[in-house]
Structure formats: structure tokens, C-alpha cells
């Protein structure tokens, strides 16, 4: 991951990445998934003690199949309720069913791009894509 030190901090692969300060949060990834399966998308995150700007921010988790696919999204609870202990989100699940035919590249992300408030102190431990049985 290419990092701007004013926005992100963290270089070791096993440590969480720290959001230092941004007014636009967009954390994205993609992965190839199997046709005919259902997947749950989420992130394991926490907030530092000095985190700021998360009160009332509309944070969304979104996922779609293929670059031109339609997003499935869920509005998360404001992140200011999180503590220093890492927790998996969402409480509301983001799940996506991969049809038997068509796209199998899953694009996903965590977004807060509407508020314009400066925010920081978010720790992202990892993203996960789980097959739902």
C-alpha cells in the first residue's frame, strides 16, 4: 500500500494501519470469489484513545461484483462507539451472492466521503471476505 504519512501510518504487515488525519475516508480492495457462493464482507477496526471526528459521521461499507456492478451498501453505526479493543464490523452484515455465471471479481470498501469533517485515530487491523455456508 502506498502511504502518505500525513494520512496513514503503519508499515509492518501484522500491525494495524493507523488513519492519521483525513476528511475523506476511502479504504478499498478486491478479491476473486467463486461462482455460486455467498460472501460476507467486513473489517476489523478500533479507535485510538485520541481518535477524533467520528461522532455522527455516516460510515458505509460497500461491495459489488465487477467494475460496472451495482453496489450493495450498509450504513454503519457511528464509529465513535468503538473502543481500543479491535472489533469486527459490521453489526449489520454486508453479504453478496455470486451468480453461477458472470463476474467473480468482488470490489469492496469502507467509506466516509460525505461529511467533510477531519477525522483520525482509526486503526484498521484487517479486511475480511468470508464464505457464508
N, C-alpha and C. Protein backbone atom coordinates (compact mmCIF):
# COMPACT_ATOMS: atom_id res chain seq x y z
N UNK A 1 0.84 -1.17 0.00
CA UNK A 1 0.00 0.00 0.00
C UNK A 1 0.89 1.23 0.00
N UNK A 2 0.67 2.12 -0.96
CA UNK A 2 1.38 3.39 -1.00
C UNK A 2 0.77 4.29 0.06
N UNK A 3 1.62 4.89 0.90
CA UNK A 3 1.10 5.66 2.02
C UNK A 3 1.58 7.09 1.98
N UNK A 4 0.70 7.99 2.37
CA UNK A 4 1.04 9.37 2.63
C UNK A 4 1.08 9.49 4.15
N UNK A 5 2.24 9.81 4.72
CA UNK A 5 2.42 9.81 6.19
C UNK A 5 1.52 10.81 6.91
N UNK A 6 1.02 11.81 6.20
CA UNK A 6 0.08 12.75 6.84
C UNK A 6 -1.30 12.12 6.97
N UNK A 7 -1.56 11.06 6.17
CA UNK A 7 -2.87 10.43 6.20
C UNK A 7 -2.85 9.06 6.86
N UNK A 8 -1.82 8.26 6.61
CA UNK A 8 -1.74 6.89 7.11
C UNK A 8 -0.39 6.63 7.75
N UNK A 9 -0.38 5.76 8.75
CA UNK A 9 0.86 5.37 9.42
C UNK A 9 0.81 3.87 9.66
N UNK A 10 1.88 3.19 9.29
CA UNK A 10 1.96 1.75 9.53
C UNK A 10 2.60 1.07 8.35
N UNK A 11 3.62 0.26 8.63
CA UNK A 11 4.32 -0.39 7.53
C UNK A 11 4.49 -1.88 7.72
N UNK A 12 4.44 -2.37 8.95
CA UNK A 12 4.62 -3.81 9.16
C UNK A 12 3.32 -4.53 8.89
N UNK A 13 3.42 -5.66 8.22
CA UNK A 13 2.22 -6.35 7.73
C UNK A 13 1.31 -6.88 8.84
N UNK A 14 1.81 -7.17 10.02
CA UNK A 14 0.97 -7.73 11.09
C UNK A 14 0.37 -6.67 12.00
N UNK A 15 0.81 -5.42 11.86
CA UNK A 15 0.30 -4.34 12.70
C UNK A 15 -0.85 -3.64 12.01
N UNK A 16 -1.77 -3.06 12.79
CA UNK A 16 -2.84 -2.30 12.16
C UNK A 16 -2.28 -1.05 11.48
N UNK A 17 -3.01 -0.58 10.48
CA UNK A 17 -2.67 0.66 9.81
C UNK A 17 -3.48 1.76 10.49
N UNK A 18 -2.82 2.88 10.81
CA UNK A 18 -3.49 3.98 11.50
C UNK A 18 -3.86 5.08 10.52
N UNK A 19 -5.12 5.47 10.56
CA UNK A 19 -5.57 6.65 9.84
C UNK A 19 -5.17 7.85 10.69
N UNK A 20 -4.22 8.65 10.22
CA UNK A 20 -3.72 9.80 10.99
C UNK A 20 -4.72 10.94 10.92
N UNK A 21 -5.02 11.40 9.69
CA UNK A 21 -5.95 12.52 9.54
C UNK A 21 -6.39 12.64 8.08
N UNK A 22 -7.68 12.58 7.86
CA UNK A 22 -8.26 12.78 6.52
C UNK A 22 -9.62 13.45 6.67
N UNK A 23 -10.12 14.01 5.60
CA UNK A 23 -11.51 14.46 5.60
C UNK A 23 -12.34 13.57 4.68
N UNK A 24 -11.68 12.63 3.96
CA UNK A 24 -12.36 11.74 3.02
C UNK A 24 -11.78 10.35 3.23
N UNK A 25 -12.56 9.43 3.76
CA UNK A 25 -12.11 8.06 4.01
C UNK A 25 -12.58 7.15 2.89
N UNK A 26 -11.64 6.48 2.25
CA UNK A 26 -11.96 5.52 1.20
C UNK A 26 -10.92 4.40 1.28
N UNK A 27 -11.30 3.28 1.87
CA UNK A 27 -10.43 2.11 2.01
C UNK A 27 -11.02 1.03 1.11
N UNK A 28 -10.28 0.62 0.08
CA UNK A 28 -10.83 -0.31 -0.91
C UNK A 28 -9.94 -1.51 -1.13
N UNK A 29 -10.55 -2.55 -1.66
CA UNK A 29 -9.81 -3.76 -2.03
C UNK A 29 -10.64 -4.57 -3.01
N UNK A 30 -10.03 -5.61 -3.55
CA UNK A 30 -10.77 -6.52 -4.43
C UNK A 30 -10.17 -7.91 -4.29
N UNK A 31 -11.00 -8.91 -4.59
CA UNK A 31 -10.59 -10.30 -4.49
C UNK A 31 -11.44 -11.13 -5.45
N UNK A 32 -10.85 -12.17 -5.99
CA UNK A 32 -11.60 -13.09 -6.84
C UNK A 32 -12.37 -14.06 -5.95
N UNK A 33 -13.65 -14.27 -6.26
CA UNK A 33 -14.50 -15.16 -5.47
C UNK A 33 -15.08 -16.25 -6.38
N UNK A 34 -15.68 -17.26 -5.78
CA UNK A 34 -16.20 -18.41 -6.53
C UNK A 34 -17.66 -18.19 -6.93
N UNK A 35 -17.98 -18.62 -8.14
CA UNK A 35 -19.37 -18.55 -8.61
C UNK A 35 -20.26 -19.44 -7.75
N UNK A 36 -21.50 -18.99 -7.56
CA UNK A 36 -22.49 -19.78 -6.83
C UNK A 36 -22.32 -19.75 -5.32
N UNK A 37 -21.46 -18.91 -4.81
CA UNK A 37 -21.23 -18.81 -3.36
C UNK A 37 -21.69 -17.45 -2.84
N UNK A 38 -21.95 -17.39 -1.53
CA UNK A 38 -22.33 -16.15 -0.86
C UNK A 38 -21.20 -15.75 0.07
N UNK A 39 -20.91 -14.43 0.12
CA UNK A 39 -19.79 -13.93 0.91
C UNK A 39 -20.23 -12.80 1.82
N UNK A 40 -19.58 -12.74 2.99
CA UNK A 40 -19.74 -11.64 3.93
C UNK A 40 -18.47 -10.80 3.89
N UNK A 41 -18.64 -9.49 3.86
CA UNK A 41 -17.52 -8.56 3.78
C UNK A 41 -17.48 -7.74 5.06
N UNK A 42 -16.29 -7.52 5.60
CA UNK A 42 -16.17 -6.72 6.80
C UNK A 42 -14.76 -6.27 7.07
N UNK A 43 -14.60 -5.52 8.15
CA UNK A 43 -13.31 -5.00 8.59
C UNK A 43 -13.17 -5.20 10.08
N UNK A 44 -11.96 -5.42 10.55
CA UNK A 44 -11.66 -5.44 11.98
C UNK A 44 -10.97 -4.12 12.27
N UNK A 45 -11.59 -3.31 13.13
CA UNK A 45 -11.09 -1.96 13.39
C UNK A 45 -11.15 -1.63 14.87
N UNK A 46 -10.47 -0.56 15.25
CA UNK A 46 -10.56 0.00 16.59
C UNK A 46 -10.22 1.48 16.50
N UNK A 47 -10.43 2.21 17.59
CA UNK A 47 -10.08 3.62 17.65
C UNK A 47 -9.02 3.84 18.71
N UNK A 48 -8.08 4.72 18.43
CA UNK A 48 -7.10 5.11 19.44
C UNK A 48 -7.78 5.99 20.48
N UNK A 49 -7.17 6.13 21.64
CA UNK A 49 -7.75 6.94 22.71
C UNK A 49 -7.93 8.39 22.27
N UNK A 50 -7.06 8.88 21.39
CA UNK A 50 -7.14 10.27 20.95
C UNK A 50 -7.83 10.43 19.59
N UNK A 51 -8.64 9.43 19.19
CA UNK A 51 -9.37 9.50 17.92
C UNK A 51 -10.30 10.71 17.93
N UNK A 52 -10.55 11.25 16.75
CA UNK A 52 -11.40 12.44 16.66
C UNK A 52 -12.19 12.43 15.35
N UNK A 53 -13.33 13.17 15.39
CA UNK A 53 -14.10 13.41 14.18
C UNK A 53 -15.07 12.34 13.77
N UNK A 54 -15.27 11.29 14.57
CA UNK A 54 -16.13 10.17 14.15
C UNK A 54 -17.57 10.32 14.61
N UNK A 55 -17.85 11.23 15.52
CA UNK A 55 -19.21 11.40 16.02
C UNK A 55 -20.17 11.83 14.92
N UNK A 56 -21.18 11.03 14.68
CA UNK A 56 -22.19 11.36 13.70
C UNK A 56 -21.79 11.22 12.24
N UNK A 57 -20.57 10.74 11.97
CA UNK A 57 -20.13 10.56 10.57
C UNK A 57 -20.81 9.34 9.96
N UNK A 58 -21.42 9.49 8.79
CA UNK A 58 -22.06 8.36 8.13
C UNK A 58 -21.04 7.47 7.42
N UNK A 59 -20.60 6.41 8.09
CA UNK A 59 -19.62 5.48 7.50
C UNK A 59 -20.39 4.33 6.84
N UNK A 60 -20.00 4.01 5.61
CA UNK A 60 -20.65 2.95 4.84
C UNK A 60 -19.65 1.88 4.47
N UNK A 61 -20.12 0.64 4.45
CA UNK A 61 -19.38 -0.47 3.88
C UNK A 61 -20.12 -0.83 2.59
N UNK A 62 -19.35 -1.01 1.50
CA UNK A 62 -19.97 -1.26 0.21
C UNK A 62 -19.24 -2.38 -0.52
N UNK A 63 -19.98 -3.11 -1.36
CA UNK A 63 -19.39 -4.19 -2.15
C UNK A 63 -20.16 -4.32 -3.45
N UNK A 64 -19.44 -4.76 -4.50
CA UNK A 64 -20.07 -5.01 -5.79
C UNK A 64 -19.28 -6.06 -6.54
N UNK A 65 -19.92 -6.70 -7.51
CA UNK A 65 -19.26 -7.67 -8.38
C UNK A 65 -18.93 -6.99 -9.70
N UNK A 66 -17.67 -7.06 -10.10
CA UNK A 66 -17.22 -6.45 -11.34
C UNK A 66 -17.13 -4.93 -11.22
N UNK A 67 -16.31 -4.33 -12.06
CA UNK A 67 -16.12 -2.88 -12.00
C UNK A 67 -17.40 -2.11 -12.30
N UNK A 68 -18.28 -2.69 -13.12
CA UNK A 68 -19.51 -1.99 -13.51
C UNK A 68 -20.72 -2.47 -12.73
N UNK A 69 -20.50 -3.29 -11.69
CA UNK A 69 -21.61 -3.82 -10.91
C UNK A 69 -22.29 -2.77 -10.06
N UNK A 70 -23.45 -3.13 -9.52
CA UNK A 70 -24.21 -2.25 -8.64
C UNK A 70 -23.80 -2.53 -7.19
N UNK A 71 -23.53 -1.46 -6.44
CA UNK A 71 -23.09 -1.60 -5.05
C UNK A 71 -24.22 -2.09 -4.14
N UNK A 72 -23.85 -2.97 -3.20
CA UNK A 72 -24.64 -3.30 -2.03
C UNK A 72 -23.98 -2.53 -0.90
N UNK A 73 -24.75 -1.79 -0.12
CA UNK A 73 -24.12 -0.98 0.93
C UNK A 73 -24.91 -1.06 2.22
N UNK A 74 -24.23 -0.79 3.31
CA UNK A 74 -24.83 -0.72 4.63
C UNK A 74 -24.23 0.47 5.37
N UNK A 75 -25.12 1.27 5.94
CA UNK A 75 -24.67 2.38 6.78
C UNK A 75 -24.34 1.81 8.15
N UNK A 76 -23.15 2.09 8.62
CA UNK A 76 -22.70 1.57 9.90
C UNK A 76 -23.13 2.50 11.04
N UNK A 77 -23.14 1.99 12.23
CA UNK A 77 -23.30 2.84 13.40
C UNK A 77 -22.10 3.79 13.43
N UNK A 78 -22.27 5.02 13.95
CA UNK A 78 -21.09 5.90 14.06
C UNK A 78 -19.96 5.19 14.78
N UNK A 79 -18.77 5.35 14.27
CA UNK A 79 -17.62 4.61 14.82
C UNK A 79 -17.15 5.11 16.17
N UNK A 80 -17.66 6.26 16.62
CA UNK A 80 -17.19 6.79 17.91
C UNK A 80 -17.59 5.90 19.08
N UNK A 81 -18.45 4.89 18.87
CA UNK A 81 -18.81 3.96 19.95
C UNK A 81 -17.74 2.88 20.15
N UNK A 82 -16.82 2.76 19.20
CA UNK A 82 -15.77 1.74 19.31
C UNK A 82 -14.79 2.11 20.41
N UNK A 83 -14.15 1.12 20.97
CA UNK A 83 -13.12 1.35 21.97
C UNK A 83 -11.75 0.98 21.43
N UNK A 84 -10.82 0.82 22.35
CA UNK A 84 -9.45 0.48 21.97
C UNK A 84 -9.31 -0.99 21.58
N UNK A 85 -10.30 -1.82 21.97
CA UNK A 85 -10.26 -3.22 21.59
C UNK A 85 -10.75 -3.38 20.16
N UNK A 86 -10.01 -4.13 19.37
CA UNK A 86 -10.39 -4.34 17.97
C UNK A 86 -11.70 -5.12 17.88
N UNK A 87 -12.58 -4.67 17.01
CA UNK A 87 -13.87 -5.33 16.83
C UNK A 87 -14.16 -5.48 15.34
N UNK A 88 -14.83 -6.57 14.99
CA UNK A 88 -15.22 -6.75 13.60
C UNK A 88 -16.52 -6.00 13.35
N UNK A 89 -16.56 -5.28 12.24
CA UNK A 89 -17.79 -4.64 11.81
C UNK A 89 -18.16 -5.25 10.48
N UNK A 90 -19.34 -5.28 10.06
CA UNK A 90 -20.46 -4.52 10.59
C UNK A 90 -21.31 -5.33 11.55
N UNK A 91 -22.09 -4.60 12.36
CA UNK A 91 -23.15 -5.26 13.12
C UNK A 91 -24.21 -5.69 12.12
N UNK A 92 -24.48 -4.79 11.16
CA UNK A 92 -25.35 -5.11 10.03
C UNK A 92 -24.43 -5.76 9.00
N UNK A 93 -24.79 -6.91 8.52
CA UNK A 93 -23.91 -7.65 7.62
C UNK A 93 -24.01 -7.17 6.18
N UNK A 94 -22.87 -7.12 5.50
CA UNK A 94 -22.84 -6.87 4.07
C UNK A 94 -22.53 -8.22 3.43
N UNK A 95 -23.53 -8.76 2.73
CA UNK A 95 -23.36 -10.05 2.07
C UNK A 95 -23.66 -9.89 0.59
N UNK A 96 -22.98 -10.69 -0.20
CA UNK A 96 -23.18 -10.62 -1.64
C UNK A 96 -23.15 -12.04 -2.20
N UNK A 97 -24.13 -12.33 -3.05
CA UNK A 97 -24.24 -13.64 -3.69
C UNK A 97 -23.61 -13.55 -5.08
N UNK A 98 -22.70 -14.46 -5.38
CA UNK A 98 -22.03 -14.50 -6.68
C UNK A 98 -22.82 -15.47 -7.55
N UNK A 99 -23.42 -14.98 -8.65
CA UNK A 99 -24.20 -15.88 -9.51
C UNK A 99 -23.32 -16.95 -10.15
N UNK A 100 -23.98 -17.98 -10.68
CA UNK A 100 -23.26 -19.08 -11.34
C UNK A 100 -22.52 -18.61 -12.59
N UNK A 101 -23.01 -17.56 -13.21
CA UNK A 101 -22.40 -17.00 -14.43
C UNK A 101 -22.07 -15.53 -14.19
N UNK A 102 -21.08 -15.02 -14.92
CA UNK A 102 -20.79 -13.59 -14.87
C UNK A 102 -19.54 -13.27 -14.07
N UNK A 103 -19.52 -12.06 -13.57
CA UNK A 103 -18.36 -11.52 -12.86
C UNK A 103 -18.07 -12.31 -11.58
N UNK A 104 -16.78 -12.44 -11.28
CA UNK A 104 -16.41 -13.05 -9.99
C UNK A 104 -15.31 -12.26 -9.30
N UNK A 105 -15.10 -11.01 -9.71
CA UNK A 105 -14.16 -10.12 -9.00
C UNK A 105 -15.01 -9.26 -8.07
N UNK A 106 -14.76 -9.39 -6.77
CA UNK A 106 -15.52 -8.67 -5.75
C UNK A 106 -14.74 -7.43 -5.33
N UNK A 107 -15.35 -6.26 -5.48
CA UNK A 107 -14.76 -5.00 -5.05
C UNK A 107 -15.48 -4.57 -3.78
N UNK A 108 -14.74 -4.11 -2.79
CA UNK A 108 -15.34 -3.76 -1.50
C UNK A 108 -14.61 -2.56 -0.90
N UNK A 109 -15.26 -1.94 0.08
CA UNK A 109 -14.62 -0.80 0.72
C UNK A 109 -15.36 -0.28 1.93
N UNK A 110 -14.66 0.60 2.63
CA UNK A 110 -15.18 1.32 3.79
C UNK A 110 -15.06 2.80 3.44
N UNK A 111 -16.18 3.54 3.55
CA UNK A 111 -16.22 4.91 3.04
C UNK A 111 -16.86 5.88 4.01
N UNK A 112 -16.30 7.07 4.08
CA UNK A 112 -16.95 8.24 4.67
C UNK A 112 -16.45 9.42 3.84
N UNK A 113 -17.21 9.77 2.84
CA UNK A 113 -16.79 10.80 1.87
C UNK A 113 -17.79 11.94 1.77
N UNK A 114 -18.79 11.97 2.64
CA UNK A 114 -19.87 12.93 2.51
C UNK A 114 -19.81 14.05 3.52
N UNK A 115 -19.23 13.82 4.67
CA UNK A 115 -19.30 14.75 5.79
C UNK A 115 -18.34 15.93 5.64
N UNK A 116 -17.13 15.67 5.17
CA UNK A 116 -16.13 16.74 5.05
C UNK A 116 -15.43 17.09 6.35
N UNK A 117 -15.77 16.41 7.45
CA UNK A 117 -15.11 16.65 8.74
C UNK A 117 -13.76 15.95 8.77
N UNK A 118 -12.79 16.58 9.40
CA UNK A 118 -11.50 15.92 9.62
C UNK A 118 -11.67 14.86 10.68
N UNK A 119 -11.04 13.71 10.45
CA UNK A 119 -11.14 12.60 11.38
C UNK A 119 -9.82 11.84 11.40
N UNK A 120 -9.55 11.19 12.51
CA UNK A 120 -8.32 10.42 12.63
C UNK A 120 -8.39 9.47 13.80
N UNK A 121 -7.32 8.68 13.95
CA UNK A 121 -7.23 7.74 15.06
C UNK A 121 -7.89 6.40 14.82
N UNK A 122 -8.32 6.13 13.60
CA UNK A 122 -8.90 4.83 13.27
C UNK A 122 -7.78 3.84 12.99
N UNK A 123 -7.86 2.66 13.58
CA UNK A 123 -6.91 1.58 13.32
C UNK A 123 -7.62 0.49 12.53
N UNK A 124 -7.07 0.16 11.36
CA UNK A 124 -7.62 -0.91 10.56
C UNK A 124 -6.71 -2.12 10.72
N UNK A 125 -7.22 -3.16 11.37
CA UNK A 125 -6.45 -4.36 11.64
C UNK A 125 -6.43 -5.28 10.42
N UNK A 126 -7.57 -5.45 9.79
CA UNK A 126 -7.64 -6.19 8.53
C UNK A 126 -9.05 -6.11 7.94
N UNK A 127 -9.13 -6.43 6.66
CA UNK A 127 -10.41 -6.61 5.99
C UNK A 127 -10.64 -8.11 5.86
N UNK A 128 -11.89 -8.53 5.76
CA UNK A 128 -12.15 -9.96 5.57
C UNK A 128 -13.28 -10.18 4.58
N UNK A 129 -13.15 -11.28 3.86
CA UNK A 129 -14.16 -11.79 2.95
C UNK A 129 -14.38 -13.24 3.39
N UNK A 130 -15.58 -13.55 3.86
CA UNK A 130 -15.86 -14.91 4.36
C UNK A 130 -16.97 -15.54 3.54
N UNK A 131 -16.77 -16.80 3.18
CA UNK A 131 -17.83 -17.52 2.53
C UNK A 131 -18.91 -17.84 3.56
N UNK A 132 -20.16 -17.57 3.22
CA UNK A 132 -21.29 -17.86 4.09
C UNK A 132 -21.80 -19.24 3.74
N UNK A 133 -21.87 -20.12 4.72
CA UNK A 133 -22.31 -21.51 4.50
C UNK A 133 -23.82 -21.59 4.48
